Amino acid sequence: MTQQEFMDVFNDNGLTWYFTNDTTRRRLVKETLQESLLDQVLYTNDALVNGCKIVSPLGRSDHVGIMVDLVVSPSADTSVKQKVLKPIWGKVSSEKLLNISINDINWDYSSTNNVQDMWAELHCKLEAVAATVPAASVYLDNRPVKLPWSSTALKRMRKNKDRAWAEFDIDPSDINFSNAMSKQHTFEEEEFKAKVSYEKKITSDLKHNSKAFYAYLRNKRQVKSSVVSLDRGDGTRTDTSAGAAEVLATAFSSVFAREPPGPLPKSVNFEENECVIDDMEVRSSDVKKQLLKLNIFKSSGPDGVHPKLLKSLAYDDSFVEAVTQLFVKCSETGTLPESELFHSGTSSLKK
């Protein structure tokens, strides 16, 4: 295949060659200088490239350097990512949580006259135990600030690599280039080993702890958080989320039933449930049994109480008795605390 035929293949696929009659590689083979057009810049839209120029090669490379001037615009998202502290429950042992509960927390209620006060006091004590869990910085989108396989040694290698390249920028000599490439290779090799080791760790424990594995997969995804650009059908496209919502609402309006304005009519076809529990007995042994069934790898509910905390404290008889007293008070009064947190936080304890 000749050079022109080779270029035609790319042109047929919508790619355009920027260099056509230039030499981008020179090498000496047995006292003979060989020149060829090997390195190339390809583009699909000539409006994106202002120009390209050939510059001197780096170090001892026989390939030239290519400086490309692109027409790019900064990202529209200029907001600063905010960091928050998130407890890392995997770094605290159940034995430590249990010791704090037994030695530092008094689970007796100051008053048992009101269900709401009992729940508020119990929740406050649970938060006191949870405050001892080590925390790490994460972004608001739940992505970690640092890579999970990062270590002090890797940070040191990264700094050495960056420092070597900074020295090469100041003095682009062969020695500085070789030193920077060596530091770069060392860092990439060690980072690859650390990454593989971390991936083996989370996959080997996949059957017992799938949360870490799927969290790692979610962090690797790179998708748009929202759909903004949609075709209106008239040759124009939307550029805002509100415009995209209008297009979607119009497209799916035919499958939705139009409801009359005002509140929806109440159905009168409910069948009365004649099964009424006249007497309910809540025993500490049953409460402890349900606590020990919790999956410690699940996330915290809206109440902020982690299942690992509840399961760890199930071996503290004082805590189990406090939870039992709360359920007994609820059954005696026929009321639950006026909080969404209680309903969601105790649903896992119901049979």
Protein backbone atom coordinates (compact mmCIF):
# COMPACT_ATOMS: atom_id res chain seq x y z
CA MET A 1 0.00 0.00 0.00
CA THR A 2 1.41 3.37 -1.02
CA GLN A 3 1.34 6.41 1.23
CA GLN A 4 -1.45 7.98 -0.82
CA GLU A 5 -3.57 4.82 -0.58
CA PHE A 6 -2.95 4.71 3.15
CA MET A 7 -4.11 8.33 3.49
CA ASP A 8 -7.19 7.61 1.39
CA VAL A 9 -8.30 4.95 3.87
CA PHE A 10 -8.43 7.54 6.66
CA ASN A 11 -10.06 10.12 4.42
CA ASP A 12 -12.81 7.65 3.52
CA ASN A 13 -13.58 7.30 7.23
CA GLY A 14 -13.98 11.04 7.74
CA LEU A 15 -10.46 11.74 9.07
CA THR A 16 -8.20 14.42 7.61
CA TRP A 17 -4.40 14.37 7.74
CA TYR A 18 -2.76 17.61 8.80
CA PHE A 19 0.77 16.76 7.63
CA THR A 20 1.12 15.47 4.09
CA ASN A 21 4.64 16.20 2.83
CA ASP A 22 6.57 16.57 6.08
CA THR A 23 9.10 14.36 7.79
CA THR A 24 8.22 13.43 11.34
CA ARG A 25 10.83 10.72 12.00
CA ARG A 26 14.54 10.52 11.22
CA ARG A 27 16.83 7.67 12.17
CA LEU A 28 20.29 6.48 11.18
CA VAL A 29 20.45 2.84 10.04
CA LYS A 30 23.92 1.56 9.04
CA GLU A 31 25.19 5.03 8.20
CA THR A 32 22.03 5.67 6.14
CA LEU A 33 19.60 8.41 7.17
CA GLN A 34 16.00 7.24 6.92
CA GLU A 35 13.24 9.88 6.84
CA SER A 36 9.51 9.13 6.97
CA LEU A 37 6.11 10.61 7.69
CA LEU A 38 5.24 8.47 10.71
CA ASP A 39 3.70 10.76 13.35
CA GLN A 40 0.50 12.45 12.31
CA VAL A 41 -2.37 14.64 13.49
CA LEU A 42 -5.85 13.52 12.37
CA TYR A 43 -9.04 15.50 12.84
CA THR A 44 -12.71 15.30 11.87
CA ASN A 45 -13.48 19.02 12.14
CA ASP A 46 -11.00 21.55 10.79
CA ALA A 47 -12.61 24.26 12.93
CA LEU A 48 -11.17 22.60 16.03
CA VAL A 49 -7.53 22.98 14.92
CA ASN A 50 -5.97 26.43 14.61
CA GLY A 51 -2.64 25.02 13.50
CA CYS A 52 0.16 22.52 14.06
CA LYS A 53 3.90 22.91 13.91
CA ILE A 54 6.81 20.56 14.16
CA VAL A 55 9.25 21.21 17.01
CA SER A 56 12.50 19.57 18.06
CA PRO A 57 12.39 16.03 19.48
CA LEU A 58 12.58 15.30 23.20
CA GLY A 59 15.88 13.89 24.42
CA ARG A 60 17.32 11.26 22.11
CA SER A 61 14.04 10.36 20.46
CA ASP A 62 14.07 10.03 16.68
CA HIS A 63 10.46 11.29 16.58
CA VAL A 64 9.83 15.01 16.25
CA GLY A 65 7.59 16.92 18.63
CA ILE A 66 4.25 18.21 17.36
CA MET A 67 2.67 21.34 18.84
CA VAL A 68 -1.10 21.43 18.22
CA ASP A 69 -3.13 24.62 18.72
CA LEU A 70 -6.72 23.54 19.48
CA VAL A 71 -9.90 25.59 19.68
CA VAL A 72 -11.37 24.53 23.01
CA SER A 73 -13.62 26.20 25.56
CA PRO A 74 -13.45 25.79 29.33
CA SER A 75 -15.91 23.51 31.06
CA ALA A 76 -19.23 25.15 31.87
CA ASP A 77 -19.12 23.63 35.34
CA THR A 78 -16.93 26.04 37.31
CA SER A 79 -18.35 25.17 40.70
CA VAL A 80 -15.91 24.13 43.38
CA LYS A 81 -16.41 20.61 44.62
CA GLN A 82 -17.19 20.61 48.31
CA LYS A 83 -15.75 18.06 50.68
CA VAL A 84 -17.47 16.47 53.65
CA LEU A 85 -16.35 14.05 56.34
CA LYS A 86 -17.80 10.56 56.04
CA PRO A 87 -17.37 7.85 58.71
CA ILE A 88 -15.46 4.81 57.47
CA TRP A 89 -17.14 1.91 59.24
CA GLY A 90 -14.72 -0.61 57.79
CA LYS A 91 -11.89 0.89 59.87
CA VAL A 92 -13.55 0.29 63.25
CA SER A 93 -13.97 -3.12 64.86
CA SER A 94 -17.17 -4.39 66.44
CA GLU A 95 -15.20 -5.08 69.64
CA LYS A 96 -14.22 -1.41 69.93
CA LEU A 97 -17.81 -0.23 69.49
CA LEU A 98 -18.98 -2.74 72.08
CA ASN A 99 -16.33 -1.64 74.61
CA ILE A 100 -17.33 2.02 74.19
CA SER A 101 -20.97 1.08 74.70
CA ILE A 102 -20.26 -0.93 77.86
CA ASN A 103 -17.74 1.42 79.46
CA ASP A 104 -18.82 4.93 78.40
CA ILE A 105 -22.59 4.89 77.73
CA ASN A 106 -25.39 4.65 80.26
CA TRP A 107 -28.37 3.25 78.37
CA ASP A 108 -30.88 3.90 81.15
CA TYR A 109 -33.58 6.42 80.22
CA SER A 110 -33.90 9.59 82.26
CA SER A 111 -37.67 9.35 81.75
CA THR A 112 -39.98 6.65 80.36
CA ASN A 113 -43.16 8.70 80.25
CA ASN A 114 -42.94 9.80 76.62
CA VAL A 115 -42.10 7.74 73.52
CA GLN A 116 -40.70 10.74 71.68
CA ASP A 117 -38.30 11.64 74.50
CA MET A 118 -37.13 8.03 74.82
CA TRP A 119 -36.33 7.79 71.11
CA ALA A 120 -34.52 11.15 71.10
CA GLU A 121 -32.38 10.10 74.06
CA LEU A 122 -31.57 6.70 72.54
CA HIS A 123 -30.66 8.24 69.19
CA CYS A 124 -28.41 10.81 70.86
CA LYS A 125 -26.46 8.05 72.65
CA LEU A 126 -26.11 6.07 69.44
CA GLU A 127 -24.65 9.16 67.76
CA ALA A 128 -22.16 9.49 70.62
CA VAL A 129 -20.85 5.98 69.93
CA ALA A 130 -20.81 6.57 66.15
CA ALA A 131 -18.74 9.74 66.65
CA THR A 132 -15.74 7.55 67.57
CA VAL A 133 -15.63 6.01 64.08
CA PRO A 134 -12.68 7.26 61.93
CA ALA A 135 -13.77 9.66 59.17
CA ALA A 136 -12.35 10.45 55.72
CA SER A 137 -12.92 13.33 53.32
CA VAL A 138 -15.19 12.67 50.34
CA TYR A 139 -16.85 14.92 47.76
CA LEU A 140 -20.58 15.60 47.94
CA ASP A 141 -21.13 13.15 45.06
CA ASN A 142 -19.70 10.45 47.37
CA ARG A 143 -16.47 10.10 45.41
CA PRO A 144 -13.32 9.69 47.50
CA VAL A 145 -10.86 12.58 47.61
CA LYS A 146 -7.94 10.17 47.25
CA LEU A 147 -7.77 6.88 45.39
CA PRO A 148 -8.52 3.86 47.58
CA TRP A 149 -5.15 2.24 46.77
CA SER A 150 -3.19 5.39 47.56
CA SER A 151 -0.41 5.18 50.14
CA THR A 152 2.36 7.30 51.60
CA ALA A 153 4.93 5.56 49.40
CA LEU A 154 2.92 6.31 46.24
CA LYS A 155 2.52 9.95 47.25
CA ARG A 156 6.29 10.20 47.68
CA MET A 157 6.92 8.65 44.25
CA ARG A 158 4.39 11.00 42.64
CA LYS A 159 6.14 14.03 44.13
CA ASN A 160 9.52 12.76 42.97
CA LYS A 161 8.14 12.24 39.47
CA ASP A 162 6.58 15.72 39.34
CA ARG A 163 9.77 17.28 40.67
CA ALA A 164 11.85 15.51 38.01
CA TRP A 165 9.61 16.75 35.20
CA ALA A 166 9.76 20.28 36.63
CA GLU A 167 13.55 20.12 36.48
CA PHE A 168 13.35 18.93 32.88
CA ASP A 169 11.10 21.89 31.96
CA ILE A 170 13.77 24.23 33.34
CA ASP A 171 16.72 22.39 31.76
CA PRO A 172 15.58 20.03 28.91
CA SER A 173 18.79 17.99 28.82
CA ASP A 174 19.21 14.29 28.08
CA ILE A 175 20.12 13.56 31.70
CA ASN A 176 17.05 15.31 33.11
CA PHE A 177 14.83 13.62 30.53
CA SER A 178 16.16 10.16 31.41
CA ASN A 179 15.77 10.89 35.12
CA ALA A 180 12.16 12.08 34.66
CA MET A 181 11.27 9.05 32.55
CA SER A 182 12.77 6.75 35.18
CA LYS A 183 10.75 8.40 37.97
CA GLN A 184 7.65 8.25 35.77
CA HIS A 185 8.14 4.54 35.06
CA THR A 186 8.74 3.73 38.74
CA PHE A 187 5.61 5.56 39.85
CA GLU A 188 3.37 4.03 37.17
CA GLU A 189 4.65 0.52 37.92
CA GLU A 190 4.06 0.82 41.68
CA GLU A 191 0.66 2.48 41.20
CA PHE A 192 -0.38 -0.35 38.88
CA LYS A 193 0.66 -2.95 41.46
CA ALA A 194 -1.26 -1.14 44.21
CA LYS A 195 -4.36 -0.86 42.03
CA VAL A 196 -4.27 -4.56 41.09
CA SER A 197 -3.80 -5.51 44.75
CA TYR A 198 -6.82 -3.40 45.77
CA GLU A 199 -9.00 -4.85 43.00
CA LYS A 200 -8.04 -8.40 44.02
CA LYS A 201 -8.95 -7.58 47.60
CA ILE A 202 -12.47 -6.31 46.86
CA THR A 203 -13.20 -9.10 44.37
CA SER A 204 -12.03 -11.86 46.73
CA ASP A 205 -14.50 -10.59 49.35
CA LEU A 206 -17.30 -10.05 46.83
CA LYS A 207 -19.51 -12.82 48.19
CA HIS A 208 -19.45 -11.43 51.76
CA ASN A 209 -19.03 -7.71 51.08
CA SER A 210 -20.34 -6.68 47.68
CA LYS A 211 -20.78 -3.03 48.70
CA ALA A 212 -17.11 -2.10 48.26
CA PHE A 213 -16.99 -3.78 44.83
CA TYR A 214 -20.06 -2.01 43.42
CA ALA A 215 -19.02 1.30 44.99
CA TYR A 216 -15.72 0.98 43.11
CA LEU A 217 -17.58 0.31 39.86
CA ARG A 218 -19.84 3.34 40.38
CA ASN A 219 -16.82 5.57 40.93
CA LYS A 220 -15.32 4.32 37.65
CA ARG A 221 -18.38 5.32 35.65
CA GLN A 222 -18.13 8.51 33.64
CA VAL A 223 -21.60 9.57 32.53
CA LYS A 224 -23.41 12.87 32.35
CA SER A 225 -25.41 13.69 35.45
CA SER A 226 -28.27 15.10 33.38
CA VAL A 227 -29.57 15.21 29.82
CA VAL A 228 -29.53 18.75 28.43
CA SER A 229 -29.27 18.57 24.64
CA LEU A 230 -32.35 17.04 22.97
CA ASP A 231 -33.80 17.47 19.49
CA ARG A 232 -37.03 19.51 19.57
CA GLY A 233 -38.14 18.14 16.21
CA ASP A 234 -37.88 21.47 14.40
CA GLY A 235 -34.16 21.34 13.71
CA THR A 236 -33.14 23.01 16.99
CA ARG A 237 -31.82 21.49 20.19
CA THR A 238 -32.36 22.31 23.86
CA ASP A 239 -29.52 23.78 25.90
CA THR A 240 -31.04 23.74 29.40
CA SER A 241 -32.47 21.10 31.72
CA ALA A 242 -35.85 22.88 31.69
CA GLY A 243 -36.01 22.75 27.90
CA ALA A 244 -35.10 19.05 27.90
CA ALA A 245 -37.83 18.38 30.46
CA GLU A 246 -40.42 20.08 28.22
CA VAL A 247 -39.37 17.96 25.24
CA LEU A 248 -39.63 14.76 27.29
CA ALA A 249 -42.98 15.78 28.76
CA THR A 250 -44.36 16.43 25.28
CA ALA A 251 -43.03 13.13 23.95
CA PHE A 252 -44.54 11.05 26.77
CA SER A 253 -47.77 13.04 27.26
CA SER A 254 -49.76 10.53 25.20
CA VAL A 255 -49.17 7.68 27.68
CA PHE A 256 -50.22 9.61 30.79
CA ALA A 257 -53.80 10.02 31.94
CA ARG A 258 -54.89 13.60 32.49
CA GLU A 259 -56.13 14.04 36.05
CA PRO A 260 -58.67 16.74 37.00
CA PRO A 261 -57.34 19.66 39.03
CA GLY A 262 -57.58 19.42 42.80
CA PRO A 263 -57.17 16.46 45.14
CA LEU A 264 -57.62 12.97 43.75
CA PRO A 265 -60.87 11.20 44.70
CA LYS A 266 -60.55 8.70 47.52
CA SER A 267 -61.27 5.09 46.79
CA VAL A 268 -64.12 3.54 48.76
CA ASN A 269 -63.34 -0.08 47.93
CA PHE A 270 -60.98 -0.72 50.82
CA GLU A 271 -61.63 -3.95 52.65
CA GLU A 272 -61.50 -3.71 56.40
CA ASN A 273 -58.82 -5.78 58.06
CA GLU A 274 -60.44 -7.70 60.88
CA CYS A 275 -57.11 -9.00 62.22
CA VAL A 276 -56.35 -6.89 65.28
CA ILE A 277 -53.48 -7.56 67.69
CA ASP A 278 -54.96 -7.24 71.18
CA ASP A 279 -51.77 -8.06 73.06
CA MET A 280 -48.13 -7.97 71.87
CA GLU A 281 -45.16 -9.16 73.88
CA VAL A 282 -41.73 -7.71 73.10
CA ARG A 283 -38.89 -9.70 74.63
CA SER A 284 -35.21 -8.79 74.87
CA SER A 285 -34.18 -12.11 73.37
CA ASP A 286 -36.26 -11.39 70.25
CA VAL A 287 -34.82 -7.89 69.90
CA LYS A 288 -31.26 -9.22 70.21
CA LYS A 289 -32.00 -11.94 67.66
CA GLN A 290 -33.19 -9.37 65.10
CA LEU A 291 -30.22 -7.08 65.77
CA LEU A 292 -27.78 -9.91 65.08
CA LYS A 293 -29.44 -10.53 61.69
CA LEU A 294 -28.53 -7.07 60.36
CA ASN A 295 -26.14 -6.85 57.40
CA ILE A 296 -23.19 -4.68 58.46
CA PHE A 297 -22.30 -3.96 54.82
CA LYS A 298 -25.51 -2.03 54.17
CA SER A 299 -25.57 1.77 54.29
CA SER A 300 -27.00 3.87 57.07
CA GLY A 301 -30.65 4.79 56.86
CA PRO A 302 -32.04 8.36 57.01
CA ASP A 303 -31.65 8.21 60.79
CA GLY A 304 -27.87 7.98 60.37
CA VAL A 305 -27.63 4.80 62.45
CA HIS A 306 -25.33 2.30 60.76
CA PRO A 307 -26.32 -1.40 60.89
CA LYS A 308 -22.79 -2.30 62.03
CA LEU A 309 -23.32 -0.16 65.12
CA LEU A 310 -26.63 -1.83 65.97
CA LYS A 311 -25.24 -5.34 65.42
CA SER A 312 -22.13 -4.63 67.46
CA LEU A 313 -24.16 -3.30 70.40
CA ALA A 314 -26.45 -6.34 70.32
CA TYR A 315 -23.98 -8.00 72.71
CA ASP A 316 -24.50 -5.20 75.26
CA ASP A 317 -27.46 -6.31 77.39
CA SER A 318 -28.05 -2.73 78.58
CA PHE A 319 -28.49 -1.48 75.02
CA VAL A 320 -30.79 -4.36 74.08
CA GLU A 321 -32.89 -3.65 77.17
CA ALA A 322 -33.13 0.05 76.22
CA VAL A 323 -34.38 -0.84 72.71
CA THR A 324 -36.84 -3.34 74.23
CA GLN A 325 -38.22 -0.72 76.61
CA LEU A 326 -38.78 1.64 73.71
CA PHE A 327 -40.75 -0.98 71.73
CA VAL A 328 -42.74 -1.94 74.83
CA LYS A 329 -43.65 1.70 75.42
CA CYS A 330 -44.74 2.03 71.79
CA SER A 331 -46.94 -1.06 72.06
CA GLU A 332 -48.50 0.08 75.37
CA THR A 333 -49.33 3.58 74.16
CA GLY A 334 -50.12 2.60 70.57
CA THR A 335 -47.92 5.43 69.27
CA LEU A 336 -44.61 5.86 67.50
CA PRO A 337 -42.22 8.81 67.80
CA GLU A 338 -43.21 11.68 65.51
CA SER A 339 -40.14 11.33 63.33
CA GLU A 340 -39.48 9.82 59.93
CA LEU A 341 -36.13 8.73 61.31
CA PHE A 342 -37.67 6.29 63.73
CA HIS A 343 -39.93 4.65 61.14
CA SER A 344 -37.09 4.10 58.69
CA GLY A 345 -34.49 3.18 61.30
CA THR A 346 -36.55 0.49 63.01
CA SER A 347 -38.18 -1.07 59.96
CA SER A 348 -35.33 -3.56 59.67
CA LEU A 349 -36.05 -4.84 63.18
CA LYS A 350 -39.65 -5.76 62.39
CA LYS A 351 -40.52 -9.36 61.57
